[in-house]
Amino acid sequence: MSNKTETLEYPFESLSYNILPGASDYTCLKHNISLTNTSQFRTEVGTIHDNVHIKDISVDENRFFNYTIIKPKNKTVAENVIFLLHGFNEKDWTKYLSWAQAICEGTGSHIVLFPLAFHMQRAPKYWSNKRHMYKLSENRKERYPNIIDSTLSNVAISMRLHAMPQRFIYSGLQSYYDIIQLIEEFKTGKNPHISKDFSFNIFAYSIGGFLAQILKLTNYNNYFSDSKMCLFCSGTTFNRFSSVSKFILDSEANVALYSFLIEHFDKFLKTDNILNHYILNDHLEGEVFNCMLDYQKKRVFREDLLRKHEDQIYAITLTKDKVIPSFEIINTLKGAYRDINIKVDELDFDRPYTHVNPFPANLSSDQQVTDDFNLVFNKVCDFFNA
């Protein structure tokens, strides 16, 4: 860490954990109604009986955890905050520390590194145990001989989403409500390093950008009205992702998730009382979530929202990104008829890189990597400082 910044940690308790699968009855606080779980979409497909497949609502690590703030050493109380949202199936913050440091030094803002549900420090350590995960991956390959990219890195999340694809929505909603909760905690002075009158922006990478768009476009309580959103390798609808990767999802989980969220989602909503309520019944966050799943569905609704905030959104894409392709981000953010004035900068580094690893750590001493890193984060900081 730079001698210009320092790192702090603060505890957080998710008050929205009780939306997660594992209970029989739920309560919607907004409408003050009880909801009975009617979902029949329970399957043993993809499940190997061990403590990877446990009730989501019972995972204490996902409910109680610490979030991190990287701040300028010479600044005690922040007037300006930037939330940094990470990618899919991330297990530690290592690659993001230099990103956060660059944004902190370039903007003078406090950077909040907040983990999404069941990611980073919010997942049981067992799910990252290399020996156990290797064994599970080998078992999974035996069960599905044609599986692609099953690895010890993605087997836990792949098994859980394969067996229960709606986890993607439940954990997404929890993450959404958690960030709203954190903002409200800051506004009440719960964090001594954040002013009650703070302003904030969002820097989001990969799937973190999916959540960032839902937050920004929903604009709960007008909290996000003045917030800028910078997307890096992100910005498209879910069905334009290519998530099969040894670091993200295996092919069986990807097929199950796509089938649930894209091909048959409307049918599943008819049989799932909880999801039906949050997606279709007076929850704008659910409607926005829905419009970000499929490029074709609710396109006009999505594009109207993007157009409304076009001056506050900026995206940086990478030409060789195979997971979230640059042209798909442009299609989504600029609209089907290219009538949305969101600035998108497409970059292409003159060296090997991937979506998961745009700035390879093993080449950190390489001047080209350093120059590429500085190019990206100078653009990020210029956007936030403008």
Protein backbone atom coordinates (compact mmCIF):
# COMPACT_ATOMS: atom_id res chain seq x y z
CA MET A 1 0.00 0.00 0.00
CA SER A 2 1.22 3.49 -0.83
CA ASN A 3 2.57 5.73 1.92
CA LYS A 4 -0.04 8.25 0.75
CA THR A 5 -2.99 6.07 1.80
CA GLU A 6 -4.12 3.97 4.72
CA THR A 7 -6.55 1.11 5.15
CA LEU A 8 -9.37 0.82 7.69
CA GLU A 9 -11.92 -1.91 8.38
CA TYR A 10 -15.40 -1.60 9.80
CA PRO A 11 -17.98 -4.23 10.79
CA PHE A 12 -21.26 -4.58 8.93
CA GLU A 13 -24.36 -6.66 9.62
CA SER A 14 -26.61 -7.29 6.65
CA LEU A 15 -30.19 -6.62 7.69
CA SER A 16 -31.42 -8.09 4.39
CA TYR A 17 -30.02 -11.59 4.88
CA ASN A 18 -33.55 -12.84 5.58
CA ILE A 19 -34.50 -12.45 1.91
CA LEU A 20 -32.25 -15.43 1.13
CA PRO A 21 -33.36 -19.02 0.46
CA GLY A 22 -33.70 -21.23 3.51
CA ALA A 23 -36.86 -20.03 5.22
CA SER A 24 -40.46 -21.04 4.62
CA ASP A 25 -42.01 -17.63 5.22
CA TYR A 26 -40.81 -14.14 4.34
CA THR A 27 -41.87 -10.58 5.09
CA CYS A 28 -41.74 -7.64 2.70
CA LEU A 29 -41.13 -4.62 4.93
CA LYS A 30 -42.02 -2.15 2.19
CA HIS A 31 -45.54 -3.53 1.83
CA ASN A 32 -45.81 -5.01 5.34
CA ILE A 33 -47.01 -8.34 4.03
CA SER A 34 -46.06 -11.94 4.67
CA LEU A 35 -44.98 -14.11 1.76
CA THR A 36 -45.03 -17.89 1.72
CA ASN A 37 -42.35 -19.67 -0.25
CA THR A 38 -44.15 -21.52 -3.05
CA SER A 39 -41.17 -22.25 -5.27
CA GLN A 40 -41.04 -25.78 -6.63
CA PHE A 41 -37.76 -25.18 -8.42
CA ARG A 42 -35.61 -27.28 -6.11
CA THR A 43 -33.28 -29.74 -7.72
CA GLU A 44 -30.50 -32.07 -6.73
CA VAL A 45 -28.93 -31.57 -10.15
CA GLY A 46 -25.41 -30.29 -9.70
CA THR A 47 -25.42 -31.02 -6.00
CA ILE A 48 -22.84 -33.14 -4.24
CA HIS A 49 -23.82 -33.58 -0.62
CA ASP A 50 -21.39 -31.55 1.44
CA ASN A 51 -21.44 -28.14 3.10
CA VAL A 52 -21.15 -26.21 -0.15
CA HIS A 53 -24.89 -26.75 -0.59
CA ILE A 54 -26.15 -25.22 2.65
CA LYS A 55 -29.07 -22.91 3.35
CA ASP A 56 -28.12 -19.44 2.22
CA ILE A 57 -29.88 -17.80 5.13
CA SER A 58 -27.65 -19.75 7.56
CA VAL A 59 -24.28 -18.54 6.25
CA ASP A 60 -23.09 -16.25 9.04
CA GLU A 61 -20.08 -15.04 7.05
CA ASN A 62 -22.51 -13.53 4.55
CA ARG A 63 -24.43 -11.76 7.29
CA PHE A 64 -21.61 -10.48 9.52
CA PHE A 65 -18.43 -9.20 7.88
CA ASN A 66 -16.05 -6.26 7.59
CA TYR A 67 -15.81 -3.82 4.72
CA THR A 68 -12.63 -1.89 3.88
CA ILE A 69 -11.95 1.80 3.37
CA ILE A 70 -8.81 3.05 1.64
CA LYS A 71 -8.34 6.73 2.45
CA PRO A 72 -5.78 9.52 2.00
CA LYS A 73 -3.52 9.70 5.04
CA ASN A 74 -3.98 13.43 5.38
CA LYS A 75 -7.78 13.29 5.37
CA THR A 76 -9.69 12.12 8.45
CA VAL A 77 -13.33 12.66 7.51
CA ALA A 78 -14.48 12.16 3.93
CA GLU A 79 -16.81 14.49 2.10
CA ASN A 80 -16.45 12.35 -1.04
CA VAL A 81 -16.69 8.55 -1.26
CA ILE A 82 -16.31 6.13 -4.15
CA PHE A 83 -17.77 2.64 -3.85
CA LEU A 84 -15.66 0.00 -5.61
CA LEU A 85 -17.68 -3.03 -6.70
CA HIS A 86 -15.85 -6.20 -7.76
CA GLY A 87 -16.37 -9.04 -10.23
CA PHE A 88 -18.11 -12.43 -10.20
CA ASN A 89 -16.72 -15.29 -8.09
CA GLU A 90 -14.01 -13.15 -6.52
CA LYS A 91 -12.44 -14.52 -3.35
CA ASP A 92 -10.01 -11.82 -2.21
CA TRP A 93 -9.27 -8.16 -2.80
CA THR A 94 -5.65 -8.52 -3.93
CA LYS A 95 -6.03 -7.27 -7.50
CA TYR A 96 -8.31 -4.43 -6.45
CA LEU A 97 -5.99 -2.82 -3.89
CA SER A 98 -3.87 -1.10 -6.53
CA TRP A 99 -7.06 -0.01 -8.33
CA ALA A 100 -8.48 1.50 -5.15
CA GLN A 101 -5.18 3.16 -4.32
CA ALA A 102 -4.95 4.76 -7.77
CA ILE A 103 -8.52 6.12 -7.53
CA CYS A 104 -7.95 7.31 -3.96
CA GLU A 105 -4.77 9.19 -4.88
CA GLY A 106 -6.26 10.51 -8.12
CA THR A 107 -9.49 11.86 -6.63
CA GLY A 108 -8.78 12.40 -2.93
CA SER A 109 -11.88 10.32 -2.15
CA HIS A 110 -12.29 7.58 0.42
CA ILE A 111 -12.68 4.28 -1.46
CA VAL A 112 -15.12 1.77 0.02
CA LEU A 113 -14.40 -1.84 -0.94
CA PHE A 114 -17.72 -3.54 -0.28
CA PRO A 115 -18.12 -7.29 -0.92
CA LEU A 116 -21.15 -8.62 -2.78
CA ALA A 117 -23.20 -11.40 -1.18
CA PHE A 118 -21.35 -14.74 -0.89
CA HIS A 119 -18.16 -13.23 -2.35
CA MET A 120 -14.83 -12.26 -0.84
CA GLN A 121 -14.94 -12.41 2.97
CA ARG A 122 -18.69 -13.09 2.83
CA ALA A 123 -18.18 -16.73 1.76
CA PRO A 124 -17.23 -19.63 4.05
CA LYS A 125 -13.50 -20.35 3.92
CA TYR A 126 -14.33 -23.96 3.03
CA TRP A 127 -15.47 -22.80 -0.41
CA SER A 128 -11.91 -21.64 -1.10
CA ASN A 129 -10.14 -24.69 0.34
CA LYS A 130 -8.05 -25.89 -2.59
CA ARG A 131 -7.89 -29.54 -1.56
CA HIS A 132 -11.62 -29.89 -0.95
CA MET A 133 -12.60 -27.86 -4.00
CA TYR A 134 -10.28 -29.88 -6.24
CA LYS A 135 -11.99 -33.06 -5.06
CA LEU A 136 -15.44 -31.59 -5.70
CA SER A 137 -14.41 -30.47 -9.16
CA GLU A 138 -13.12 -33.94 -10.01
CA ASN A 139 -16.41 -35.45 -8.78
CA ARG A 140 -18.32 -32.95 -10.88
CA LYS A 141 -16.32 -33.88 -13.98
CA GLU A 142 -17.17 -37.53 -13.41
CA ARG A 143 -20.87 -36.71 -13.15
CA TYR A 144 -20.82 -34.46 -16.22
CA PRO A 145 -18.20 -35.84 -18.64
CA ASN A 146 -18.76 -33.06 -21.17
CA ILE A 147 -18.43 -30.24 -18.67
CA ILE A 148 -16.19 -27.33 -19.67
CA ASP A 149 -14.00 -25.30 -17.32
CA SER A 150 -14.85 -26.97 -14.02
CA THR A 151 -12.05 -26.01 -11.63
CA LEU A 152 -11.33 -25.74 -7.95
CA SER A 153 -11.76 -21.98 -8.36
CA ASN A 154 -15.36 -22.09 -9.60
CA VAL A 155 -16.79 -25.38 -8.37
CA ALA A 156 -18.47 -23.97 -5.24
CA ILE A 157 -20.39 -21.19 -6.99
CA SER A 158 -21.08 -23.44 -10.00
CA MET A 159 -22.62 -26.18 -7.87
CA ARG A 160 -24.77 -23.73 -5.93
CA LEU A 161 -26.08 -21.92 -9.02
CA HIS A 162 -26.54 -25.16 -10.96
CA ALA A 163 -28.72 -26.57 -8.20
CA MET A 164 -30.59 -23.33 -7.55
CA PRO A 165 -30.20 -20.61 -10.22
CA GLN A 166 -32.50 -18.20 -8.41
CA ARG A 167 -29.65 -17.67 -5.95
CA PHE A 168 -28.29 -15.18 -8.48
CA ILE A 169 -31.33 -12.97 -7.94
CA TYR A 170 -31.61 -13.40 -4.18
CA SER A 171 -27.94 -12.63 -3.58
CA GLY A 172 -28.16 -9.72 -6.03
CA LEU A 173 -31.11 -8.26 -4.14
CA GLN A 174 -29.31 -8.72 -0.83
CA SER A 175 -26.24 -6.92 -2.21
CA TYR A 176 -28.49 -4.11 -3.49
CA TYR A 177 -30.19 -3.67 -0.11
CA ASP A 178 -26.85 -3.91 1.73
CA ILE A 179 -25.40 -0.97 -0.18
CA ILE A 180 -28.53 1.08 0.47
CA GLN A 181 -28.16 0.17 4.16
CA LEU A 182 -24.49 1.21 4.15
CA ILE A 183 -25.33 4.56 2.56
CA GLU A 184 -27.96 5.17 5.23
CA GLU A 185 -25.51 4.20 7.97
CA PHE A 186 -23.06 6.77 6.59
CA LYS A 187 -25.83 9.39 6.49
CA THR A 188 -26.53 8.83 10.20
CA GLY A 189 -22.87 9.19 11.15
CA LYS A 190 -22.23 5.56 11.99
CA ASN A 191 -18.78 5.67 10.38
CA PRO A 192 -16.50 8.30 11.99
CA HIS A 193 -14.45 8.67 8.80
CA ILE A 194 -17.45 9.55 6.59
CA SER A 195 -19.25 12.89 6.86
CA LYS A 196 -23.02 12.68 7.27
CA ASP A 197 -23.27 15.03 4.29
CA PHE A 198 -20.99 12.97 2.07
CA SER A 199 -21.42 12.63 -1.68
CA PHE A 200 -20.52 9.46 -3.52
CA ASN A 201 -19.76 7.89 -6.89
CA ILE A 202 -19.36 4.29 -8.04
CA PHE A 203 -16.52 2.48 -9.79
CA ALA A 204 -17.66 -0.97 -10.86
CA TYR A 205 -15.98 -3.85 -12.65
CA SER A 206 -17.56 -6.86 -14.37
CA ILE A 207 -20.65 -8.16 -12.53
CA GLY A 208 -20.22 -5.31 -10.06
CA GLY A 209 -21.26 -3.03 -12.90
CA PHE A 210 -24.48 -5.02 -13.28
CA LEU A 211 -25.33 -4.19 -9.65
CA ALA A 212 -24.13 -0.60 -10.04
CA GLN A 213 -26.53 -0.05 -12.93
CA ILE A 214 -29.43 -1.40 -10.90
CA LEU A 215 -28.52 0.95 -8.04
CA LYS A 216 -28.11 3.97 -10.29
CA LEU A 217 -31.16 3.40 -12.48
CA THR A 218 -33.43 2.59 -9.52
CA ASN A 219 -32.16 5.65 -7.63
CA TYR A 220 -33.72 4.66 -4.32
CA ASN A 221 -34.81 7.74 -2.31
CA ASN A 222 -32.91 9.85 -4.85
CA TYR A 223 -29.67 8.80 -3.15
CA PHE A 224 -27.99 8.33 -6.53
CA SER A 225 -29.27 11.45 -8.29
CA ASP A 226 -25.89 13.20 -8.24
CA SER A 227 -23.69 10.10 -8.35
CA LYS A 228 -21.41 9.29 -11.26
CA MET A 229 -20.93 5.69 -12.33
CA CYS A 230 -17.76 4.46 -14.02
CA LEU A 231 -17.93 0.97 -15.52
CA PHE A 232 -14.81 -1.05 -16.34
CA CYS A 233 -15.26 -4.20 -18.46
CA SER A 234 -18.95 -3.97 -17.69
CA GLY A 235 -22.25 -2.47 -18.77
CA THR A 236 -24.14 -5.04 -20.83
CA THR A 237 -27.23 -7.07 -20.03
CA PHE A 238 -26.78 -10.49 -18.45
CA ASN A 239 -27.58 -12.50 -21.57
CA ARG A 240 -24.67 -10.88 -23.38
CA PHE A 241 -22.14 -12.17 -20.83
CA SER A 242 -19.98 -15.19 -21.71
CA SER A 243 -19.43 -16.47 -18.20
CA VAL A 244 -17.88 -19.90 -18.86
CA SER A 245 -14.37 -19.58 -17.46
CA LYS A 246 -12.18 -21.53 -15.07
CA PHE A 247 -12.34 -18.46 -12.83
CA ILE A 248 -16.08 -17.71 -13.10
CA LEU A 249 -18.56 -20.52 -13.91
CA ASP A 250 -18.41 -23.95 -15.48
CA SER A 251 -20.55 -24.77 -18.51
CA GLU A 252 -23.23 -26.75 -16.65
CA ALA A 253 -23.89 -23.92 -14.20
CA ASN A 254 -23.90 -21.39 -17.03
CA VAL A 255 -26.52 -23.36 -18.99
CA ALA A 256 -28.73 -23.70 -15.90
CA LEU A 257 -28.44 -20.01 -15.07
CA TYR A 258 -29.15 -18.92 -18.64
CA SER A 259 -32.13 -21.26 -18.87
CA PHE A 260 -33.60 -19.90 -15.66
CA LEU A 261 -32.92 -16.18 -16.12
CA ILE A 262 -33.35 -15.82 -19.87
CA GLU A 263 -35.24 -18.67 -21.51
CA HIS A 264 -37.88 -19.53 -18.89
CA PHE A 265 -37.81 -16.70 -16.35
CA ASP A 266 -41.42 -15.61 -16.87
CA LYS A 267 -42.63 -19.17 -16.29
CA PHE A 268 -40.58 -19.57 -13.12
CA LEU A 269 -41.94 -16.29 -11.75
CA LYS A 270 -45.43 -17.79 -11.89
CA THR A 271 -44.40 -20.57 -9.52
CA ASP A 272 -42.12 -18.61 -7.16
CA ASN A 273 -44.17 -16.39 -4.87
CA ILE A 274 -41.16 -14.56 -3.44
CA LEU A 275 -39.45 -13.72 -6.72
CA ASN A 276 -42.79 -12.85 -8.29
CA HIS A 277 -43.33 -10.24 -5.59
CA TYR A 278 -39.89 -8.62 -5.83
CA ILE A 279 -39.65 -8.68 -9.63
CA LEU A 280 -43.23 -7.90 -10.68
CA ASN A 281 -44.97 -6.13 -7.79
CA ASP A 282 -44.10 -2.51 -6.98
CA HIS A 283 -40.37 -2.99 -6.42
CA LEU A 284 -38.56 -0.74 -8.88
CA GLU A 285 -35.28 -2.47 -8.07
CA GLY A 286 -36.84 -5.74 -9.23
CA GLU A 287 -38.14 -4.18 -12.43
CA VAL A 288 -34.72 -2.69 -13.19
CA PHE A 289 -33.06 -6.02 -12.34
CA ASN A 290 -35.41 -7.68 -14.81
CA CYS A 291 -34.65 -5.18 -17.57
CA MET A 292 -30.92 -5.87 -17.18
CA LEU A 293 -31.28 -9.62 -17.77
CA ASP A 294 -32.23 -9.84 -21.44
CA TYR A 295 -31.20 -7.28 -24.07
CA GLN A 296 -34.47 -7.65 -26.00
CA LYS A 297 -36.90 -7.58 -23.06
CA LYS A 298 -37.89 -4.23 -21.60
CA ARG A 299 -35.34 -2.56 -23.87
CA VAL A 300 -37.25 0.72 -24.18
CA PHE A 301 -37.70 0.92 -20.39
CA ARG A 302 -33.97 0.27 -19.84
CA GLU A 303 -32.84 2.71 -22.51
CA ASP A 304 -35.10 5.47 -21.20
CA LEU A 305 -33.45 5.10 -17.79
CA LEU A 306 -29.94 5.06 -19.25
CA ARG A 307 -30.72 8.14 -21.33
CA LYS A 308 -31.96 9.95 -18.22
CA HIS A 309 -28.54 9.51 -16.59
CA GLU A 310 -26.34 9.57 -19.69
CA ASP A 311 -24.18 12.48 -18.49
CA GLN A 312 -23.29 10.62 -15.29
CA ILE A 313 -22.22 7.29 -16.81
CA TYR A 314 -18.87 6.42 -18.38
CA ALA A 315 -17.51 3.06 -19.50
CA ILE A 316 -14.07 1.72 -20.37
CA THR A 317 -14.07 -1.49 -22.40
CA LEU A 318 -11.29 -3.78 -23.60
CA THR A 319 -11.25 -5.01 -27.19
CA LYS A 320 -10.07 -8.54 -26.38
CA ASP A 321 -12.49 -9.05 -23.47
CA LYS A 322 -14.22 -12.38 -24.19
CA VAL A 323 -16.40 -12.46 -21.06
CA ILE A 324 -18.16 -9.11 -21.48
CA PRO A 325 -17.41 -8.12 -25.08
CA SER A 326 -16.79 -4.48 -25.84
CA PHE A 327 -19.35 -4.33 -28.65
CA GLU A 328 -22.07 -5.74 -26.38
CA ILE A 329 -21.38 -3.04 -23.79
CA ILE A 330 -21.66 -0.42 -26.52
CA ASN A 331 -24.93 -1.98 -27.74
CA THR A 332 -26.43 -1.77 -24.26
CA LEU A 333 -25.15 1.61 -23.08
CA LYS A 334 -25.57 3.52 -26.34
CA GLY A 335 -28.88 1.86 -27.21
CA ALA A 336 -30.15 -0.13 -30.14
CA TYR A 337 -30.37 3.03 -32.27
CA ARG A 338 -27.24 4.66 -30.81
CA ASP A 339 -29.33 7.48 -29.40
CA ILE A 340 -27.96 7.41 -25.83
CA ASN A 341 -25.05 9.78 -25.26
CA ILE A 342 -23.05 7.68 -22.80
CA LYS A 343 -19.32 7.95 -23.38
CA VAL A 344 -17.61 4.59 -23.96
CA ASP A 345 -13.85 4.36 -24.45
CA GLU A 346 -12.68 1.11 -26.04
CA LEU A 347 -9.02 0.31 -25.32
CA ASP A 348 -6.76 -2.44 -26.58
CA PHE A 349 -3.46 -3.16 -24.86
CA ASP A 350 -0.49 -4.22 -26.98
CA ARG A 351 0.11 -7.34 -24.86
CA PRO A 352 -1.79 -10.41 -23.63
CA TYR A 353 -4.63 -9.73 -21.20
CA THR A 354 -8.02 -11.15 -20.22
CA HIS A 355 -11.25 -9.94 -18.66
CA VAL A 356 -10.31 -11.58 -15.37
CA ASN A 357 -6.74 -10.31 -15.43
CA PRO A 358 -6.40 -7.04 -17.34
CA PHE A 359 -3.20 -6.10 -15.48
CA PRO A 360 -1.31 -9.38 -14.84
CA ALA A 361 0.46 -9.37 -11.48
CA ASN A 362 3.29 -11.50 -12.84
CA LEU A 363 4.04 -8.68 -15.26
CA SER A 364 3.66 -5.87 -12.74
CA SER A 365 7.25 -4.78 -13.35
CA ASP A 366 6.60 -4.58 -17.09
CA GLN A 367 6.48 -0.95 -18.18
CA GLN A 368 3.73 -1.69 -20.70
CA VAL A 369 1.43 -3.01 -17.94
CA THR A 370 2.21 0.04 -15.82
CA ASP A 371 1.46 2.37 -18.72
CA ASP A 372 -1.82 0.56 -19.48
CA PHE A 373 -2.82 0.69 -15.82
CA ASN A 374 -2.10 4.41 -15.64
CA LEU A 375 -4.00 5.02 -18.88
CA VAL A 376 -7.14 3.35 -17.50
CA PHE A 377 -7.10 4.91 -14.06
CA ASN A 378 -6.18 8.37 -15.27
CA LYS A 379 -9.34 8.19 -17.39
CA VAL A 380 -11.32 6.96 -14.38
CA CYS A 381 -10.07 9.78 -12.17
CA ASP A 382 -10.58 12.41 -14.87
CA PHE A 383 -14.21 11.31 -15.11
CA PHE A 384 -14.78 11.55 -11.36
CA ASN A 385 -12.93 14.87 -11.06
CA ALA A 386 -14.73 16.59 -13.94
